[in-house]
């Protein structure tokens, strides 16, 4: 069962401004990544469900977070149907992120008051997601649409909260473009938690990168 309501999760997303994305089949490695992000100031992490037995890995990571990392909010991404969403919520997922707009996922998440963020690529999809109760829309793939798309959406719909994923990196020019366009937060995967960091297990570097990125985001939001 989720420990945080959708409104609580949305509030943290808006406040912190970044959701790291990560998947690895090694539970112990995942714990180290999770702790490095946490120590760097991250309070959200999206576990991307892309491998066999991923739900088992997530269950262990969420138990670890609940015991050792107070205030850390774990959710699951790359969820493709309502059954998978329900399974992850049984394992305590606090938010569900999907690559596409799926109304069946909206129904099961809304029933449990769990935040769901569907991948959308048009104003029509975004409007439909909001009609279905979505608090924060995922713009995906972000590198295809870019900050100009966000500006275009915010014109007629200034109330829309957007989280681009894909094409987001920790450098100032990239983040400045997104936050100046009006995004609520950003999702960041391999540009933040790189293959190199995972291969070398340089978790001090990851912690420092997370801390620097979050600090930069706070400056850009002012």
Protein backbone atom coordinates (compact mmCIF):
# COMPACT_ATOMS: atom_id res chain seq x y z
CA UNK A 1 0.00 0.00 0.00
CA UNK A 2 1.25 3.48 -0.88
CA UNK A 3 2.49 5.59 2.02
CA UNK A 4 1.79 8.88 0.22
CA UNK A 5 -1.35 10.15 -1.49
CA UNK A 6 -1.26 11.46 -5.03
CA UNK A 7 -1.51 15.04 -3.79
CA UNK A 8 1.41 14.53 -1.40
CA UNK A 9 3.53 13.03 -4.18
CA UNK A 10 2.61 15.83 -6.60
CA UNK A 11 3.60 18.37 -3.96
CA UNK A 12 7.05 16.79 -3.50
CA UNK A 13 7.55 16.58 -7.27
CA UNK A 14 6.83 20.28 -7.55
CA UNK A 15 9.00 21.18 -4.57
CA UNK A 16 12.07 19.07 -5.43
CA UNK A 17 11.82 19.42 -9.20
CA UNK A 18 13.46 16.15 -10.27
CA UNK A 19 12.63 12.45 -10.39
CA UNK A 20 15.62 10.14 -11.01
CA UNK A 21 14.85 7.07 -13.15
CA UNK A 22 16.64 3.77 -12.63
CA UNK A 23 16.52 0.04 -13.27
CA UNK A 24 18.95 -2.74 -12.48
CA UNK A 25 18.33 -6.39 -11.67
CA UNK A 26 20.88 -6.36 -8.82
CA UNK A 27 19.04 -5.50 -5.60
CA UNK A 28 22.18 -4.57 -3.67
CA UNK A 29 23.35 -2.26 -6.44
CA UNK A 30 19.89 -0.73 -6.48
CA UNK A 31 20.08 -0.02 -2.76
CA UNK A 32 23.38 1.81 -3.23
CA UNK A 33 21.95 3.89 -6.06
CA UNK A 34 18.90 4.67 -3.97
CA UNK A 35 20.98 5.74 -0.98
CA UNK A 36 23.29 7.91 -3.11
CA UNK A 37 20.29 9.71 -4.62
CA UNK A 38 18.75 10.11 -1.16
CA UNK A 39 21.96 11.44 0.38
CA UNK A 40 22.21 13.85 -2.54
CA UNK A 41 18.80 15.28 -1.64
CA UNK A 42 16.46 13.38 -3.95
CA UNK A 43 13.17 12.43 -2.34
CA UNK A 44 11.64 10.60 -5.29
CA UNK A 45 12.83 7.78 -7.51
CA UNK A 46 11.10 6.08 -10.42
CA UNK A 47 12.03 2.41 -10.71
CA UNK A 48 11.59 1.57 -14.39
CA UNK A 49 9.95 -1.84 -14.78
CA UNK A 50 11.88 -3.19 -17.76
CA UNK A 51 13.41 -6.52 -16.77
CA UNK A 52 12.28 -10.00 -15.80
CA UNK A 53 11.22 -10.22 -12.15
CA UNK A 54 11.46 -6.44 -11.87
CA UNK A 55 8.58 -6.46 -9.39
CA UNK A 56 10.65 -8.58 -7.01
CA UNK A 57 13.53 -6.12 -7.17
CA UNK A 58 11.19 -3.18 -6.55
CA UNK A 59 9.66 -4.90 -3.54
CA UNK A 60 13.08 -5.27 -1.92
CA UNK A 61 14.08 -1.68 -2.73
CA UNK A 62 10.85 -0.32 -1.29
CA UNK A 63 11.29 -2.31 1.92
CA UNK A 64 14.80 -0.89 2.19
CA UNK A 65 13.59 2.66 1.60
CA UNK A 66 10.82 2.35 4.19
CA UNK A 67 13.29 1.05 6.79
CA UNK A 68 16.41 3.09 6.07
CA UNK A 69 15.48 6.20 4.06
CA UNK A 70 12.69 8.17 5.76
CA UNK A 71 10.81 10.41 3.37
CA UNK A 72 12.02 8.66 0.22
CA UNK A 73 9.11 8.16 -2.20
CA UNK A 74 9.45 5.23 -4.60
CA UNK A 75 7.29 4.79 -7.67
CA UNK A 76 7.36 2.64 -10.78
CA UNK A 77 7.65 3.62 -14.43
CA UNK A 78 7.27 1.89 -17.80
CA UNK A 79 4.00 0.38 -16.55
CA UNK A 80 1.90 -0.73 -19.51
CA UNK A 81 -1.39 -2.05 -18.11
CA UNK A 82 -3.70 -1.96 -15.11
CA UNK A 83 -2.68 -5.41 -13.86
CA UNK A 84 0.96 -4.38 -13.61
CA UNK A 85 -0.01 -1.10 -11.93
CA UNK A 86 -2.11 -3.00 -9.37
CA UNK A 87 0.75 -5.41 -8.67
CA UNK A 88 3.20 -2.60 -8.01
CA UNK A 89 0.73 -0.77 -5.80
CA UNK A 90 0.39 -3.96 -3.74
CA UNK A 91 4.17 -3.72 -3.30
CA UNK A 92 3.83 -0.15 -2.04
CA UNK A 93 4.44 1.94 -5.16
CA UNK A 94 3.63 5.56 -4.35
CA UNK A 95 3.21 6.63 -7.97
CA UNK A 96 2.82 5.00 -11.36
CA UNK A 97 4.34 6.36 -14.58
CA UNK A 98 3.35 5.05 -18.01
CA UNK A 99 4.84 5.53 -21.50
CA UNK A 100 1.36 6.10 -23.00
CA UNK A 101 -2.09 7.26 -21.90
CA UNK A 102 -3.97 4.23 -20.56
CA UNK A 103 -7.41 4.77 -19.08
CA UNK A 104 -7.41 1.38 -17.36
CA UNK A 105 -4.37 2.47 -15.35
CA UNK A 106 -6.09 5.73 -14.45
CA UNK A 107 -9.01 3.81 -12.98
CA UNK A 108 -6.99 1.51 -10.71
CA UNK A 109 -4.69 4.31 -9.53
CA UNK A 110 -7.51 6.75 -8.84
CA UNK A 111 -9.33 4.10 -6.84
CA UNK A 112 -6.34 3.97 -4.48
CA UNK A 113 -5.59 7.72 -4.67
CA UNK A 114 -2.15 6.93 -6.09
CA UNK A 115 -0.57 9.46 -8.44
CA UNK A 116 -0.28 8.29 -12.04
CA UNK A 117 1.60 10.17 -14.73
CA UNK A 118 0.86 9.07 -18.31
CA UNK A 119 3.16 9.68 -21.25
CA UNK A 120 1.45 12.17 -23.56
CA UNK A 121 2.49 13.72 -26.86
CA UNK A 122 -0.38 16.02 -27.82
CA UNK A 123 -2.58 18.66 -26.25
CA UNK A 124 -5.56 16.37 -26.77
CA UNK A 125 -3.91 13.54 -24.83
CA UNK A 126 -2.89 15.93 -22.06
CA UNK A 127 -6.43 17.27 -21.76
CA UNK A 128 -7.85 13.74 -21.63
CA UNK A 129 -5.34 12.74 -18.95
CA UNK A 130 -6.41 15.70 -16.83
CA UNK A 131 -10.08 14.81 -17.34
CA UNK A 132 -9.17 11.40 -15.92
CA UNK A 133 -7.67 13.02 -12.82
CA UNK A 134 -3.98 13.28 -13.72
CA UNK A 135 -2.06 15.76 -11.55
CA UNK A 136 1.24 15.81 -13.47
CA UNK A 137 1.51 14.77 -17.11
CA UNK A 138 4.63 13.07 -18.43
CA UNK A 139 5.87 14.57 -21.70
CA UNK A 140 7.44 11.68 -23.56
CA UNK A 141 9.75 11.46 -25.36
CA UNK A 142 10.90 14.88 -24.17
CA UNK A 143 13.75 15.22 -26.64
CA UNK A 144 11.32 14.94 -29.56
CA UNK A 145 9.00 17.69 -28.32
CA UNK A 146 11.35 20.02 -26.44
CA UNK A 147 10.69 23.11 -24.28
CA UNK A 148 8.83 24.92 -27.08
CA UNK A 149 6.08 22.31 -26.90
CA UNK A 150 5.73 22.97 -23.16
CA UNK A 151 5.40 26.70 -23.82
CA UNK A 152 2.74 25.96 -26.42
CA UNK A 153 0.70 23.89 -23.98
CA UNK A 154 1.02 26.34 -21.10
CA UNK A 155 -0.46 29.11 -23.26
CA UNK A 156 -4.05 27.78 -23.44
CA UNK A 157 -3.64 25.57 -20.34
CA UNK A 158 -1.56 27.40 -17.71
CA UNK A 159 -2.88 25.01 -15.06
CA UNK A 160 -1.22 21.99 -16.69
CA UNK A 161 1.72 20.45 -14.79
CA UNK A 162 4.29 18.77 -17.03
CA UNK A 163 7.22 16.44 -16.35
CA UNK A 164 9.42 15.84 -19.41
CA UNK A 165 11.32 12.56 -19.52
CA UNK A 166 13.88 11.74 -22.19
CA UNK A 167 16.23 14.40 -23.44
CA UNK A 168 16.76 15.87 -19.97
CA UNK A 169 20.33 16.22 -18.68
CA UNK A 170 21.96 17.76 -15.59
CA UNK A 171 23.65 20.62 -17.46
CA UNK A 172 22.43 24.16 -16.86
CA UNK A 173 21.52 25.02 -20.45
CA UNK A 174 19.27 22.00 -20.78
CA UNK A 175 17.52 22.47 -17.44
CA UNK A 176 17.16 26.22 -17.95
CA UNK A 177 15.31 25.59 -21.19
CA UNK A 178 12.82 23.25 -19.55
CA UNK A 179 12.13 25.28 -16.40
CA UNK A 180 11.91 28.57 -18.27
CA UNK A 181 9.28 26.89 -20.43
CA UNK A 182 7.25 26.14 -17.30
CA UNK A 183 7.75 22.48 -16.41
CA UNK A 184 6.84 21.37 -12.90
CA UNK A 185 9.66 18.85 -12.63
CA UNK A 186 11.87 16.70 -14.84
CA UNK A 187 12.51 12.97 -15.07
CA UNK A 188 16.16 12.06 -15.56
CA UNK A 189 17.59 8.61 -16.23
CA UNK A 190 20.89 7.65 -17.85
CA UNK A 191 22.14 11.23 -18.07
CA UNK A 192 22.07 11.27 -14.26
CA UNK A 193 22.62 7.63 -13.30
CA UNK A 194 25.02 6.73 -16.08
CA UNK A 195 26.29 3.32 -17.18
CA UNK A 196 29.76 4.50 -16.15
CA UNK A 197 28.65 5.22 -12.59
CA UNK A 198 26.99 1.81 -12.36
CA UNK A 199 30.03 0.04 -13.83
CA UNK A 200 32.53 1.75 -11.53
CA UNK A 201 30.12 1.92 -8.57
CA UNK A 202 31.15 5.52 -8.04
CA UNK A 203 28.27 6.37 -5.74
CA UNK A 204 30.01 9.41 -4.29
CA UNK A 205 29.99 10.90 -7.79
CA UNK A 206 26.29 10.08 -8.14
CA UNK A 207 25.50 11.71 -4.79
CA UNK A 208 27.40 14.85 -5.76
CA UNK A 209 25.76 15.02 -9.20
CA UNK A 210 22.30 14.66 -7.68
CA UNK A 211 23.03 17.37 -5.10
CA UNK A 212 24.42 19.77 -7.70
CA UNK A 213 21.51 19.15 -10.07
CA UNK A 214 18.90 19.72 -7.38
CA UNK A 215 20.63 22.92 -6.30
CA UNK A 216 20.68 24.14 -9.89
CA UNK A 217 16.99 23.36 -10.31
CA UNK A 218 16.11 25.35 -7.20
CA UNK A 219 17.99 28.36 -8.58
CA UNK A 220 16.27 28.07 -11.93
CA UNK A 221 12.83 27.88 -10.33
CA UNK A 222 13.21 31.20 -8.51
